[in-house]
Amino acid sequence: MSRYLVIGLGILAITAAIVWGAVAAIGKVEHLVDQAAALARSERDAHWRAEIEASNAATQKQIAETLKQTMAAEDAARDQIEAANQRADALEKKNASLPDDGTGGIGRARVRLLNAR
């Protein structure tokens, strides 16, 4: 073989090695970029999951507080209804104890009883 052919083959081999190394380096860089992107996505996902969980916890706390207030209001309303029923029963008993004058109208005693309510 001639000397120029050997030099040409050597240059060709070196060029092929450089190209092969560059392709391998590009593949490695792409792999690193993909890993970094996946890591960034997983970190953002974790961040937003935590934000959503915090928001859900605050919402659940508000729902529980509202339910507690609603139950207290229902209890108070139930107590007021019971007190009104007791007052109505007492008023009915007082009305029944008044004498019937037979005129079919409302007498002075019944008017006083109703006004006291």
C-alpha atoms as a PDB file:
ATOM      1  CA  MET A   1       0.000   0.000   0.000  1.00  0.00           C
ATOM      2  CA  SER A   2       1.024   3.445  -0.632  1.00  0.00           C
ATOM      3  CA  ARG A   3       1.881   5.883   1.982  1.00  0.00           C
ATOM      4  CA  TYR A   4      -0.928   8.286   0.963  1.00  0.00           C
ATOM      5  CA  LEU A   5      -3.478   5.498   1.151  1.00  0.00           C
ATOM      6  CA  VAL A   6      -2.393   4.643   4.695  1.00  0.00           C
ATOM      7  CA  ILE A   7      -2.541   8.316   5.715  1.00  0.00           C
ATOM      8  CA  GLY A   8      -5.980   8.663   4.065  1.00  0.00           C
ATOM      9  CA  LEU A   9      -7.259   5.547   5.826  1.00  0.00           C
ATOM     10  CA  GLY A  10      -5.886   6.874   9.113  1.00  0.00           C
ATOM     11  CA  ILE A  11      -7.582  10.244   8.607  1.00  0.00           C
ATOM     12  CA  LEU A  12     -10.780   8.446   7.639  1.00  0.00           C
ATOM     13  CA  ALA A  13     -10.533   6.269  10.778  1.00  0.00           C
ATOM     14  CA  ILE A  14      -9.924   9.318  12.975  1.00  0.00           C
ATOM     15  CA  THR A  15     -12.833  11.164  11.338  1.00  0.00           C
ATOM     16  CA  ALA A  16     -15.092   8.139  11.830  1.00  0.00           C
ATOM     17  CA  ALA A  17     -14.048   7.924  15.486  1.00  0.00           C
ATOM     18  CA  ILE A  18     -14.763  11.660  15.969  1.00  0.00           C
ATOM     19  CA  VAL A  19     -18.191  11.347  14.298  1.00  0.00           C
ATOM     20  CA  TRP A  20     -18.999   8.218  16.323  1.00  0.00           C
ATOM     21  CA  GLY A  21     -17.946  10.047  19.519  1.00  0.00           C
ATOM     22  CA  ALA A  22     -20.037  13.091  18.595  1.00  0.00           C
ATOM     23  CA  VAL A  23     -23.102  10.924  17.932  1.00  0.00           C
ATOM     24  CA  ALA A  24     -22.574   9.143  21.253  1.00  0.00           C
ATOM     25  CA  ALA A  25     -22.152  12.500  23.036  1.00  0.00           C
ATOM     26  CA  ILE A  26     -25.344  13.832  21.441  1.00  0.00           C
ATOM     27  CA  GLY A  27     -27.198  10.705  22.545  1.00  0.00           C
ATOM     28  CA  LYS A  28     -25.870  11.134  26.061  1.00  0.00           C
ATOM     29  CA  VAL A  29     -26.890  14.817  26.134  1.00  0.00           C
ATOM     30  CA  GLU A  30     -30.388  13.919  24.891  1.00  0.00           C
ATOM     31  CA  HIS A  31     -30.640  11.295  27.620  1.00  0.00           C
ATOM     32  CA  LEU A  32     -29.568  13.834  30.273  1.00  0.00           C
ATOM     33  CA  VAL A  33     -32.078  16.398  28.946  1.00  0.00           C
ATOM     34  CA  ASP A  34     -34.854  13.781  29.045  1.00  0.00           C
ATOM     35  CA  GLN A  35     -33.930  12.879  32.625  1.00  0.00           C
ATOM     36  CA  ALA A  36     -33.882  16.539  33.680  1.00  0.00           C
ATOM     37  CA  ALA A  37     -37.266  17.167  32.038  1.00  0.00           C
ATOM     38  CA  ALA A  38     -38.775  14.094  33.710  1.00  0.00           C
ATOM     39  CA  LEU A  39     -37.394  15.199  37.077  1.00  0.00           C
ATOM     40  CA  ALA A  40     -38.764  18.717  36.610  1.00  0.00           C
ATOM     41  CA  ARG A  41     -42.196  17.323  35.657  1.00  0.00           C
ATOM     42  CA  SER A  42     -42.264  15.026  38.672  1.00  0.00           C
ATOM     43  CA  GLU A  43     -41.265  17.895  40.982  1.00  0.00           C
ATOM     44  CA  ARG A  44     -44.022  20.143  39.570  1.00  0.00           C
ATOM     45  CA  ASP A  45     -46.522  17.303  39.848  1.00  0.00           C
ATOM     46  CA  ALA A  46     -45.537  16.762  43.469  1.00  0.00           C
ATOM     47  CA  HIS A  47     -45.834  20.503  44.129  1.00  0.00           C
ATOM     48  CA  TRP A  48     -49.316  20.713  42.646  1.00  0.00           C
ATOM     49  CA  ARG A  49     -50.426  17.528  44.379  1.00  0.00           C
ATOM     50  CA  ALA A  50     -49.388  19.101  47.675  1.00  0.00           C
ATOM     51  CA  GLU A  51     -51.227  22.322  46.768  1.00  0.00           C
ATOM     52  CA  ILE A  52     -54.376  20.373  45.879  1.00  0.00           C
ATOM     53  CA  GLU A  53     -54.178  18.341  49.092  1.00  0.00           C
ATOM     54  CA  ALA A  54     -53.803  21.541  51.134  1.00  0.00           C
ATOM     55  CA  SER A  55     -56.756  23.079  49.319  1.00  0.00           C
ATOM     56  CA  ASN A  56     -58.845  19.944  49.868  1.00  0.00           C
ATOM     57  CA  ALA A  57     -57.935  19.923  53.554  1.00  0.00           C
ATOM     58  CA  ALA A  58     -58.970  23.579  53.908  1.00  0.00           C
ATOM     59  CA  THR A  59     -62.211  22.859  52.067  1.00  0.00           C
ATOM     60  CA  GLN A  60     -62.958  19.852  54.281  1.00  0.00           C
ATOM     61  CA  LYS A  61     -62.259  21.961  57.369  1.00  0.00           C
ATOM     62  CA  GLN A  62     -64.642  24.666  56.106  1.00  0.00           C
ATOM     63  CA  ILE A  63     -67.305  22.048  55.333  1.00  0.00           C
ATOM     64  CA  ALA A  64     -66.947  20.601  58.827  1.00  0.00           C
ATOM     65  CA  GLU A  65     -67.210  24.064  60.391  1.00  0.00           C
ATOM     66  CA  THR A  66     -70.281  24.876  58.299  1.00  0.00           C
ATOM     67  CA  LEU A  67     -71.859  21.561  59.249  1.00  0.00           C
ATOM     68  CA  LYS A  68     -71.151  22.281  62.908  1.00  0.00           C
ATOM     69  CA  GLN A  69     -72.792  25.709  62.607  1.00  0.00           C
ATOM     70  CA  THR A  70     -75.755  24.214  60.751  1.00  0.00           C
ATOM     71  CA  MET A  71     -76.265  21.586  63.436  1.00  0.00           C
ATOM     72  CA  ALA A  72     -76.112  24.276  66.139  1.00  0.00           C
ATOM     73  CA  ALA A  73     -78.674  26.362  64.246  1.00  0.00           C
ATOM     74  CA  GLU A  74     -80.927  23.313  63.849  1.00  0.00           C
ATOM     75  CA  ASP A  75     -80.670  22.600  67.580  1.00  0.00           C
ATOM     76  CA  ALA A  76     -81.534  26.221  68.402  1.00  0.00           C
ATOM     77  CA  ALA A  77     -84.483  26.163  65.979  1.00  0.00           C
ATOM     78  CA  ARG A  78     -85.691  22.880  67.447  1.00  0.00           C
ATOM     79  CA  ASP A  79     -85.497  24.388  70.958  1.00  0.00           C
ATOM     80  CA  GLN A  80     -87.429  27.468  69.823  1.00  0.00           C
ATOM     81  CA  ILE A  81     -90.098  25.318  68.173  1.00  0.00           C
ATOM     82  CA  GLU A  82     -90.423  23.216  71.313  1.00  0.00           C
ATOM     83  CA  ALA A  83     -90.712  26.351  73.474  1.00  0.00           C
ATOM     84  CA  ALA A  84     -93.362  27.779  71.119  1.00  0.00           C
ATOM     85  CA  ASN A  85     -95.280  24.482  71.250  1.00  0.00           C
ATOM     86  CA  GLN A  86     -95.152  24.517  75.045  1.00  0.00           C
ATOM     87  CA  ARG A  87     -96.385  28.131  75.115  1.00  0.00           C
ATOM     88  CA  ALA A  88     -99.198  27.206  72.706  1.00  0.00           C
ATOM     89  CA  ASP A  89    -100.171  24.239  74.880  1.00  0.00           C
ATOM     90  CA  ALA A  90    -100.200  26.440  77.982  1.00  0.00           C
ATOM     91  CA  LEU A  91    -102.254  29.064  76.135  1.00  0.00           C
ATOM     92  CA  GLU A  92    -104.732  26.419  75.006  1.00  0.00           C
ATOM     93  CA  LYS A  93    -105.074  25.157  78.584  1.00  0.00           C
ATOM     94  CA  LYS A  94    -105.628  28.686  79.896  1.00  0.00           C
ATOM     95  CA  ASN A  95    -108.188  29.311  77.148  1.00  0.00           C
ATOM     96  CA  ALA A  96    -109.991  26.072  77.922  1.00  0.00           C
ATOM     97  CA  SER A  97    -110.158  27.006  81.601  1.00  0.00           C
ATOM     98  CA  LEU A  98    -111.956  30.286  80.844  1.00  0.00           C
ATOM     99  CA  PRO A  99    -115.733  30.164  81.213  1.00  0.00           C
ATOM    100  CA  ASP A 100    -117.879  29.999  78.076  1.00  0.00           C
ATOM    101  CA  ASP A 101    -120.432  32.802  78.201  1.00  0.00           C
ATOM    102  CA  GLY A 102    -122.465  31.303  75.356  1.00  0.00           C
ATOM    103  CA  THR A 103    -122.443  34.421  73.171  1.00  0.00           C
ATOM    104  CA  GLY A 104    -120.022  32.939  70.610  1.00  0.00           C
ATOM    105  CA  GLY A 105    -117.761  35.958  70.724  1.00  0.00           C
ATOM    106  CA  ILE A 106    -114.468  36.647  72.357  1.00  0.00           C
ATOM    107  CA  GLY A 107    -114.875  37.831  75.879  1.00  0.00           C
ATOM    108  CA  ARG A 108    -112.680  40.223  77.788  1.00  0.00           C
ATOM    109  CA  ALA A 109    -110.787  37.394  79.539  1.00  0.00           C
ATOM    110  CA  ARG A 110    -109.867  35.735  76.215  1.00  0.00           C
ATOM    111  CA  VAL A 111    -108.730  39.043  74.718  1.00  0.00           C
ATOM    112  CA  ARG A 112    -106.480  39.611  77.728  1.00  0.00           C
ATOM    113  CA  LEU A 113    -105.163  36.084  77.359  1.00  0.00           C
ATOM    114  CA  LEU A 114    -104.336  36.606  73.664  1.00  0.00           C
ATOM    115  CA  ASN A 115    -102.753  40.007  74.271  1.00  0.00           C
ATOM    116  CA  ALA A 116    -100.473  38.529  76.906  1.00  0.00           C
ATOM    117  CA  ARG A 117     -99.020  36.230  74.292  1.00  0.00           C
END
